[in-house]
Every structure is written in structure tokens, then in C-alpha cells.
């Protein structure tokens, strides 16, 4: 289950290490029940992040239907998108 607290911990983790494939790998090991996706923030067009940071944004993913959708609802979230902000 994805909680506000886990998102805060993940945000702090990324802010200390920067968003990278290595950081993503560490997060997957630390949170094995959460599916992580890494992309550019420019690839996301129709959702608001649950966390906005100067270098990355975090979005929640709902996979309860056949298609993946982004959601602001922690109760429905099954995954996280880590989106790198490129200036």
C-alpha cells in the first residue's frame, strides 16, 4: 500500500541521491510491493503530481482497471511514476 508517509520517505531518498537508474533500483529493493516507473516529466500530459520537486515529480498509478491511469488517490494507488524534470 502506498501511503503519504512512504511518498515522503521516497521523496527524501531521491532528493538526497538524485533521480537515476541506480536510485530506482534501490527503491525497488526497498519497496518491493510498489511498482516504480521512471520517465521524463515531459511525457506526462494530463495529471497533476502528488509531489513537485525542482528535479523530479511523483505521480501515483492506479492499475485496478485494464488500463493504467494516473490518480491523486492514495487509496487506489498501486504504483509510482518518478518523472525527471529537465530544465
Protein backbone atom coordinates (compact mmCIF):
# COMPACT_ATOMS: atom_id res chain seq x y z
CA UNK A 1 0.00 0.00 0.00
CA UNK A 2 1.24 3.44 -0.87
CA UNK A 3 0.87 5.97 1.92
CA UNK A 4 1.61 9.66 2.31
CA UNK A 5 4.42 8.65 4.65
CA UNK A 6 6.01 6.32 2.10
CA UNK A 7 5.83 9.05 -0.55
CA UNK A 8 7.54 11.45 1.86
CA UNK A 9 10.30 8.88 2.51
CA UNK A 10 10.72 8.22 -1.22
CA UNK A 11 10.87 11.96 -1.93
CA UNK A 12 13.62 12.45 0.67
CA UNK A 13 15.50 9.41 -0.64
CA UNK A 14 15.51 10.74 -4.21
CA UNK A 15 16.34 14.30 -3.15
CA UNK A 16 19.49 13.05 -1.39
CA UNK A 17 20.67 10.79 -4.23
CA UNK A 18 19.14 12.38 -7.34
CA UNK A 19 16.85 10.51 -9.68
CA UNK A 20 18.73 7.87 -11.69
CA UNK A 21 18.54 4.21 -12.68
CA UNK A 22 20.68 3.36 -9.61
CA UNK A 23 18.28 5.22 -7.31
CA UNK A 24 15.35 3.50 -8.97
CA UNK A 25 16.98 0.12 -8.39
CA UNK A 26 17.49 0.92 -4.70
CA UNK A 27 13.86 1.99 -4.36
CA UNK A 28 12.65 -1.24 -5.96
CA UNK A 29 14.68 -3.23 -3.42
CA UNK A 30 13.49 -1.11 -0.50
CA UNK A 31 9.82 -1.13 -1.56
CA UNK A 32 9.30 -4.46 -3.36
CA UNK A 33 5.49 -4.23 -3.21
CA UNK A 34 5.44 -0.96 -5.17
CA UNK A 35 5.83 -0.85 -8.96
CA UNK A 36 8.08 2.05 -10.00
CA UNK A 37 8.25 3.64 -13.43
CA UNK A 38 10.88 6.20 -14.46
CA UNK A 39 10.31 8.70 -17.27
CA UNK A 40 10.65 12.33 -18.26
CA UNK A 41 8.06 14.69 -16.84
CA UNK A 42 7.52 15.92 -20.40
CA UNK A 43 5.94 12.52 -21.14
CA UNK A 44 3.06 13.18 -18.74
CA UNK A 45 0.36 15.48 -20.04
CA UNK A 46 -2.90 15.09 -18.18
CA UNK A 47 -2.19 14.62 -14.48
CA UNK A 48 -1.00 16.57 -11.50
CA UNK A 49 1.86 15.18 -9.43
CA UNK A 50 1.38 14.33 -5.77
CA UNK A 51 4.89 15.69 -5.20
CA UNK A 52 6.52 18.52 -7.13
CA UNK A 53 10.27 18.94 -6.78
CA UNK A 54 12.69 21.06 -8.77
CA UNK A 55 14.35 17.95 -10.25
CA UNK A 56 11.51 15.40 -10.29
CA UNK A 57 7.78 14.94 -9.85
CA UNK A 58 5.99 11.95 -8.36
CA UNK A 59 2.71 10.61 -9.71
CA UNK A 60 0.52 7.77 -8.44
CA UNK A 61 -0.64 4.95 -10.70
CA UNK A 62 -3.93 3.05 -10.46
CA UNK A 63 -3.92 -0.40 -12.08
CA UNK A 64 -7.32 -1.59 -10.84
CA UNK A 65 -8.81 -1.38 -14.35
CA UNK A 66 -7.40 -2.94 -17.50
CA UNK A 67 -5.51 0.25 -18.35
CA UNK A 68 -3.03 2.07 -16.18
CA UNK A 69 -4.20 5.53 -15.13
CA UNK A 70 -2.64 8.27 -13.07
CA UNK A 71 -4.52 9.12 -9.90
CA UNK A 72 -4.26 11.54 -6.98
CA UNK A 73 -5.98 8.94 -4.76
CA UNK A 74 -3.60 7.15 -2.39
CA UNK A 75 -6.26 4.52 -1.63
CA UNK A 76 -6.33 3.44 -5.28
CA UNK A 77 -2.61 3.77 -5.98
CA UNK A 78 -0.67 0.61 -6.83
CA UNK A 79 2.42 2.18 -8.36
CA UNK A 80 4.54 5.28 -8.64
CA UNK A 81 5.86 7.22 -11.61
CA UNK A 82 9.10 9.08 -10.97
CA UNK A 83 9.27 11.78 -13.60
CA UNK A 84 12.52 13.64 -14.15
CA UNK A 85 12.13 17.40 -14.65
CA UNK A 86 14.56 18.60 -17.31
CA UNK A 87 15.16 22.32 -17.44
